[in-house]
C-alpha cells in the first residue's frame, strides 16, 4: 500500500475526524457571550488538525478509537490552540492562518484570558472523564514547552547556542506536544507499555525531524513560510541547526563576522549574506541529514506493530514532514 498525500492519510480516519470536530465544537461552548464569540472565530480558522490526527491514528494502531481517544484529541487540540493564542500575544502577531489574530481583534487581555480558558477547559474535560493519566502527561508537556521557550529566549540573548542545547529546545518546544499526542492516543486504547513507549518514541522523533525541517526552510523555503519572511530566524537572532553547524565548523574570524551580522538587527543584505554563507558551508546539507536520521528513528519505532494501513499512514506522515517545502 502506498500513500501519496496528507489528504489520503486523513481519509483513512475521516469518520473519526468528523466525530472529533463535533465533540471539539461542543467542548468550546460556554455561558459567556464573549467567550462564545471568540470560540466561533477560532473554529473558522481551519488548520490541518495534525495533532488530533496523530491521537486518532495512534489510538487506532494500538487498539481502537473510543471515547477516551476523542477526549485525548480534544485535550491536545485545546492545549495547542491555547499556546497559539498566547504566542500571538507574546509576538505581537497581527495574523494567524490568514485571519486577524485574537489579540489584534479583541486586544491582549481578552487573548490571554482566552488562552487560559482553553487550557483550563481541556484539563476539566480530562478530570470529568477521569482521564488522570492524560493529566499527568499533559501537565508535564506544558512544563516542557515553557522551559523550552524560556531556554530559547535566554540563548537568543546571548547568541551562544550549541547543538546539545538546540536539541533540548526543540524537543521541549515542539516535539513534546507531538509525543503527547501519540502517547495519549496509545493510552486511550491500550495498557501495553511497550506499544505506548513505541508511539511516544515515534512522536518525539517525528517532532524533532519536523522542527529541523522547519528550520531548514527558513534558509531555503519560498519567500514566505507560514507568513514569515525567509530568514526570519536570523532576524530574530535564533541560532538553529544549519547555523550552529556552520559556526562550529568555520574559522574564528568567519564565526565572529557572522555573529556580528546577526547582532546588527537583521538588515536585508546581512540576512542574505548569512543565508548564502550557511548554504556554502554545508549547514543545510548537515541539517537535512540529521532530519532524515530522526525521521528513520520515527519509522523504526513502529516496527513492533503489525503492518497495516494505519502503520503505513504514520510512516508516510514522517516522509511528508521531511520532504515538505512549506
Protein backbone atom coordinates (compact mmCIF):
# COMPACT_ATOMS: atom_id res chain seq x y z
CA UNK A 1 0.00 0.00 0.00
CA UNK A 2 1.26 3.48 -0.89
CA UNK A 3 0.01 6.80 0.47
CA UNK A 4 0.76 9.82 -1.66
CA UNK A 5 -0.73 12.77 0.22
CA UNK A 6 -1.79 14.06 3.63
CA UNK A 7 -5.40 14.01 2.48
CA UNK A 8 -5.11 10.25 1.90
CA UNK A 9 -3.92 9.85 5.50
CA UNK A 10 -6.83 11.83 6.93
CA UNK A 11 -9.24 9.97 4.64
CA UNK A 12 -8.38 6.74 6.50
CA UNK A 13 -9.88 8.19 9.68
CA UNK A 14 -12.38 10.63 8.12
CA UNK A 15 -15.34 9.28 10.14
CA UNK A 16 -13.36 9.63 13.37
CA UNK A 17 -12.23 13.15 12.39
CA UNK A 18 -15.82 14.18 11.65
CA UNK A 19 -16.83 12.90 15.08
CA UNK A 20 -13.89 14.73 16.67
CA UNK A 21 -14.97 18.01 15.04
CA UNK A 22 -18.46 17.65 16.52
CA UNK A 23 -17.08 16.92 20.02
CA UNK A 24 -14.48 19.71 19.75
CA UNK A 25 -17.15 22.28 18.88
CA UNK A 26 -19.30 21.12 21.79
CA UNK A 27 -16.35 21.33 24.20
CA UNK A 28 -15.94 25.05 23.47
CA UNK A 29 -19.49 26.08 24.41
CA UNK A 30 -19.92 28.32 27.44
CA UNK A 31 -22.49 30.61 29.07
CA UNK A 32 -20.42 33.74 28.43
CA UNK A 33 -21.29 35.62 25.25
CA UNK A 34 -17.79 36.98 24.59
CA UNK A 35 -16.24 33.53 25.06
CA UNK A 36 -18.65 32.01 22.55
CA UNK A 37 -17.96 34.83 20.10
CA UNK A 38 -14.20 34.25 20.26
CA UNK A 39 -14.50 30.46 20.08
CA UNK A 40 -16.68 30.73 16.97
CA UNK A 41 -13.93 32.88 15.47
CA UNK A 42 -11.34 30.21 16.37
CA UNK A 43 -13.44 27.47 14.76
CA UNK A 44 -13.47 29.41 11.47
CA UNK A 45 -9.68 29.10 11.29
CA UNK A 46 -9.47 25.60 9.92
CA UNK A 47 -5.97 24.21 10.44
CA UNK A 48 -4.71 20.80 9.30
CA UNK A 49 -5.63 19.25 12.70
CA UNK A 50 -2.32 17.36 12.67
CA UNK A 51 -2.37 16.80 16.45
CA UNK A 52 -5.86 15.24 16.67
CA UNK A 53 -4.96 13.15 13.61
CA UNK A 54 -1.90 11.84 15.48
CA UNK A 55 -4.00 11.00 18.54
CA UNK A 56 -6.60 9.12 16.49
CA UNK A 57 -4.05 7.26 14.33
CA UNK A 58 -2.07 6.24 17.43
CA UNK A 59 -5.26 5.02 19.11
CA UNK A 60 -6.20 3.01 16.07
CA UNK A 61 -2.73 1.48 15.71
CA UNK A 62 -2.52 0.49 19.40
CA UNK A 63 -6.12 -0.73 19.64
CA UNK A 64 -9.25 1.09 18.56
CA UNK A 65 -10.66 4.62 18.70
CA UNK A 66 -13.02 5.11 21.64
CA UNK A 67 -14.46 7.88 23.84
CA UNK A 68 -11.12 8.36 25.60
CA UNK A 69 -9.43 8.79 22.22
CA UNK A 70 -11.76 11.68 21.40
CA UNK A 71 -11.24 13.31 24.80
CA UNK A 72 -7.49 12.99 24.34
CA UNK A 73 -7.68 14.53 20.86
CA UNK A 74 -9.76 17.44 22.17
CA UNK A 75 -7.36 17.93 25.09
CA UNK A 76 -4.27 18.27 22.88
CA UNK A 77 -6.07 20.49 20.35
CA UNK A 78 -7.24 22.81 23.15
CA UNK A 79 -3.71 22.97 24.55
CA UNK A 80 -2.26 23.62 21.09
CA UNK A 81 -4.81 26.36 20.37
CA UNK A 82 -4.15 27.96 23.77
CA UNK A 83 -0.41 28.12 23.07
CA UNK A 84 -1.03 29.71 19.64
CA UNK A 85 -3.26 32.38 21.18
CA UNK A 86 -0.66 33.15 23.85
CA UNK A 87 2.19 33.08 21.29
CA UNK A 88 0.42 35.71 19.20
CA UNK A 89 0.27 37.99 22.25
CA UNK A 90 3.96 37.45 23.05
CA UNK A 91 4.97 38.02 19.42
CA UNK A 92 2.54 40.92 18.83
CA UNK A 93 1.33 38.94 15.82
CA UNK A 94 -1.35 40.57 13.70
CA UNK A 95 -2.49 37.47 11.82
CA UNK A 96 -2.97 33.73 12.33
CA UNK A 97 -3.80 31.40 9.40
CA UNK A 98 -4.60 34.44 7.22
CA UNK A 99 -7.12 35.73 9.80
CA UNK A 100 -6.51 38.71 12.11
CA UNK A 101 -5.20 37.26 15.39
CA UNK A 102 -7.39 37.27 18.51
CA UNK A 103 -5.18 39.89 20.14
CA UNK A 104 -5.49 42.06 17.01
CA UNK A 105 -9.31 41.89 17.15
CA UNK A 106 -10.02 41.82 20.90
CA UNK A 107 -6.70 43.10 22.36
CA UNK A 108 -4.18 41.34 24.60
CA UNK A 109 -6.24 40.99 27.78
CA UNK A 110 -9.01 39.03 26.07
CA UNK A 111 -6.46 36.92 24.17
CA UNK A 112 -4.52 35.96 27.32
CA UNK A 113 -7.72 35.09 29.19
CA UNK A 114 -8.97 33.14 26.18
CA UNK A 115 -5.78 31.08 26.11
CA UNK A 116 -6.16 30.42 29.84
CA UNK A 117 -9.76 29.33 29.32
CA UNK A 118 -8.88 26.91 26.53
CA UNK A 119 -6.19 25.26 28.65
CA UNK A 120 -8.48 25.06 31.70
CA UNK A 121 -11.31 23.64 29.57
CA UNK A 122 -9.04 20.88 28.31
CA UNK A 123 -7.90 19.99 31.82
CA UNK A 124 -11.50 19.97 33.09
CA UNK A 125 -12.51 17.67 30.24
CA UNK A 126 -9.85 15.18 31.38
CA UNK A 127 -10.96 15.48 35.03
CA UNK A 128 -14.62 14.94 34.10
CA UNK A 129 -13.65 11.82 32.15
CA UNK A 130 -11.40 10.52 34.96
CA UNK A 131 -8.51 10.59 32.49
CA UNK A 132 -5.93 11.22 35.19
CA UNK A 133 -3.21 9.50 33.16
CA UNK A 134 -3.80 12.15 30.47
CA UNK A 135 -3.46 14.90 33.07
CA UNK A 136 -0.09 13.58 34.18
CA UNK A 137 1.14 13.55 30.58
CA UNK A 138 -0.25 16.95 29.59
CA UNK A 139 0.95 18.88 32.66
CA UNK A 140 4.49 17.63 32.03
CA UNK A 141 4.11 18.76 28.41
CA UNK A 142 3.07 22.29 29.42
CA UNK A 143 6.10 22.42 31.74
CA UNK A 144 8.45 21.25 28.97
CA UNK A 145 7.05 23.67 26.41
CA UNK A 146 7.51 26.60 28.80
CA UNK A 147 11.06 25.52 29.70
CA UNK A 148 11.98 25.15 26.02
CA UNK A 149 10.63 28.58 25.14
CA UNK A 150 12.44 30.28 28.04
CA UNK A 151 15.70 28.45 27.27
CA UNK A 152 15.48 29.62 23.66
CA UNK A 153 14.91 33.23 24.80
CA UNK A 154 17.99 33.10 27.04
CA UNK A 155 20.13 31.64 24.24
CA UNK A 156 18.83 34.22 21.75
CA UNK A 157 20.01 37.00 24.05
CA UNK A 158 23.48 35.51 24.43
CA UNK A 159 23.86 34.09 20.88
CA UNK A 160 25.76 31.12 22.33
CA UNK A 161 23.52 28.19 21.39
CA UNK A 162 25.21 24.81 20.79
CA UNK A 163 23.89 21.62 19.23
CA UNK A 164 23.09 19.89 22.53
CA UNK A 165 21.07 22.87 23.74
CA UNK A 166 19.35 23.21 20.36
CA UNK A 167 18.05 19.64 20.57
CA UNK A 168 16.86 20.20 24.13
CA UNK A 169 14.96 23.31 23.00
CA UNK A 170 13.23 21.69 20.02
CA UNK A 171 12.49 18.53 21.99
CA UNK A 172 10.73 20.58 24.68
CA UNK A 173 9.20 23.29 22.49
CA UNK A 174 7.97 21.26 19.51
CA UNK A 175 8.44 17.52 19.90
CA UNK A 176 6.90 17.32 23.39
CA UNK A 177 3.38 18.04 22.12
CA UNK A 178 3.62 15.54 19.24
CA UNK A 179 4.97 12.96 21.70
CA UNK A 180 1.99 13.70 23.94
CA UNK A 181 -0.45 13.22 21.05
CA UNK A 182 0.93 9.77 20.31
CA UNK A 183 1.20 8.74 23.98
CA UNK A 184 -2.33 9.86 24.82
CA UNK A 185 -3.68 8.17 21.70
CA UNK A 186 -1.97 4.93 22.70
CA UNK A 187 -3.05 5.15 26.37
CA UNK A 188 -6.64 5.66 25.25
CA UNK A 189 -6.76 2.24 23.62
CA UNK A 190 -4.16 0.02 25.31
CA UNK A 191 -2.38 -0.68 28.59
CA UNK A 192 0.54 -2.33 26.80
CA UNK A 193 3.52 -0.20 27.91
CA UNK A 194 5.67 -1.46 25.03
CA UNK A 195 3.18 -0.11 22.49
CA UNK A 196 2.79 3.14 24.41
CA UNK A 197 6.58 3.64 24.53
CA UNK A 198 6.90 2.85 20.82
CA UNK A 199 4.36 5.52 19.91
CA UNK A 200 5.95 8.01 22.33
CA UNK A 201 9.29 7.48 20.60
CA UNK A 202 7.60 7.87 17.24
CA UNK A 203 6.11 11.22 18.27
CA UNK A 204 9.38 12.51 19.74
CA UNK A 205 11.44 11.66 16.67
CA UNK A 206 8.74 12.94 14.31
CA UNK A 207 8.66 16.23 16.21
CA UNK A 208 12.42 16.69 16.06
CA UNK A 209 12.53 15.87 12.34
CA UNK A 210 9.65 18.30 11.76
CA UNK A 211 11.36 21.18 13.58
CA UNK A 212 14.71 20.67 11.88
CA UNK A 213 12.93 20.73 8.51
CA UNK A 214 11.14 23.91 9.59
CA UNK A 215 14.49 25.48 10.47
CA UNK A 216 15.96 24.42 7.12
CA UNK A 217 13.04 26.02 5.27
CA UNK A 218 13.88 29.33 6.93
CA UNK A 219 17.02 29.26 4.74
CA UNK A 220 15.76 27.63 1.55
CA UNK A 221 11.98 27.90 1.56
CA UNK A 222 9.80 30.12 -0.56
CA UNK A 223 9.99 33.84 0.19
CA UNK A 224 7.29 33.41 2.80
CA UNK A 225 6.98 30.47 5.18
CA UNK A 226 3.71 30.48 7.18
CA UNK A 227 3.60 34.25 6.50
CA UNK A 228 7.14 34.68 7.84
CA UNK A 229 9.84 36.17 5.56
CA UNK A 230 12.76 33.97 4.52
CA UNK A 231 15.50 34.34 7.13
CA UNK A 232 13.04 35.11 9.92
CA UNK A 233 15.04 33.09 12.46
CA UNK A 234 18.16 35.11 11.65
CA UNK A 235 16.26 38.37 12.14
CA UNK A 236 15.01 37.07 15.50
CA UNK A 237 18.59 36.06 16.40
CA UNK A 238 17.68 32.37 16.71
CA UNK A 239 20.62 30.01 16.20
CA UNK A 240 19.15 26.87 14.65
CA UNK A 241 20.90 23.71 13.45
CA UNK A 242 22.11 24.91 9.98
CA UNK A 243 23.72 27.99 11.55
CA UNK A 244 25.02 26.19 14.66
CA UNK A 245 26.82 23.65 12.45
CA UNK A 246 28.21 26.43 10.24
CA UNK A 247 29.56 28.45 13.17
CA UNK A 248 31.11 25.36 14.76
CA UNK A 249 32.92 24.44 11.53
CA UNK A 250 34.06 27.93 10.49
CA UNK A 251 37.21 29.83 11.32
CA UNK A 252 37.15 32.11 14.36
CA UNK A 253 37.17 35.20 12.15
CA UNK A 254 34.30 33.97 9.97
CA UNK A 255 32.23 32.99 13.03
CA UNK A 256 32.74 36.41 14.60
CA UNK A 257 31.74 38.08 11.33
CA UNK A 258 28.53 36.04 11.07
CA UNK A 259 27.60 36.74 14.71
CA UNK A 260 28.21 40.45 14.08
CA UNK A 261 25.87 40.40 11.07
CA UNK A 262 23.16 38.74 13.20
CA UNK A 263 23.62 41.26 16.01
CA UNK A 264 23.18 44.11 13.51
CA UNK A 265 19.44 43.54 13.71
CA UNK A 266 18.76 41.59 10.55
CA UNK A 267 19.29 44.09 7.74
CA UNK A 268 18.12 42.58 4.46
CA UNK A 269 21.61 42.40 2.96
CA UNK A 270 23.09 40.92 6.15
CA UNK A 271 20.42 38.22 6.30
CA UNK A 272 21.09 37.33 2.67
CA UNK A 273 24.84 37.09 3.38
CA UNK A 274 24.24 34.78 6.37
CA UNK A 275 21.93 32.53 4.32
CA UNK A 276 24.46 32.25 1.49
CA UNK A 277 27.31 31.53 3.90
CA UNK A 278 25.32 28.77 5.66
CA UNK A 279 24.48 27.16 2.31
CA UNK A 280 28.10 27.33 1.14
CA UNK A 281 29.43 25.95 4.43
CA UNK A 282 27.30 22.78 4.36
CA UNK A 283 24.93 23.80 7.15
CA UNK A 284 21.83 22.94 5.11
CA UNK A 285 23.18 19.56 3.98
CA UNK A 286 24.10 18.64 7.55
CA UNK A 287 20.70 19.63 8.94
CA UNK A 288 18.91 17.66 6.19
CA UNK A 289 20.99 14.59 7.02
CA UNK A 290 20.13 14.85 10.73
CA UNK A 291 16.45 15.45 9.97
CA UNK A 292 16.32 12.24 7.93
CA UNK A 293 18.09 10.31 10.68
CA UNK A 294 15.36 11.30 13.14
CA UNK A 295 12.71 10.51 10.53
CA UNK A 296 14.12 7.00 10.21
CA UNK A 297 14.12 6.61 14.01
CA UNK A 298 10.42 7.53 13.99
CA UNK A 299 9.67 4.92 11.33
CA UNK A 300 11.75 2.29 13.14
CA UNK A 301 9.75 2.92 16.34
CA UNK A 302 6.67 1.44 14.64
CA UNK A 303 8.35 -1.90 13.86
CA UNK A 304 6.67 -3.65 16.82
CA UNK A 305 3.24 -3.17 15.22
CA UNK A 306 1.85 -5.43 12.50
CA UNK A 307 1.93 -3.91 9.04
CA UNK A 308 -1.40 -2.18 8.36
CA UNK A 309 -2.78 0.82 6.51
CA UNK A 310 -2.63 2.83 9.76
CA UNK A 311 1.04 1.98 10.31
CA UNK A 312 1.75 2.88 6.67
CA UNK A 313 -0.11 6.17 7.21
CA UNK A 314 2.10 7.05 10.19
CA UNK A 315 5.23 6.07 8.25
CA UNK A 316 4.09 8.17 5.28
CA UNK A 317 3.45 11.15 7.57
CA UNK A 318 7.14 11.09 8.51
CA UNK A 319 8.17 11.23 4.85
CA UNK A 320 5.83 14.15 4.18
CA UNK A 321 7.34 16.02 7.13
CA UNK A 322 10.96 15.75 5.92
CA UNK A 323 10.13 16.28 2.23
CA UNK A 324 7.83 19.30 2.59
CA UNK A 325 8.73 22.65 1.05
CA UNK A 326 6.29 24.81 3.02
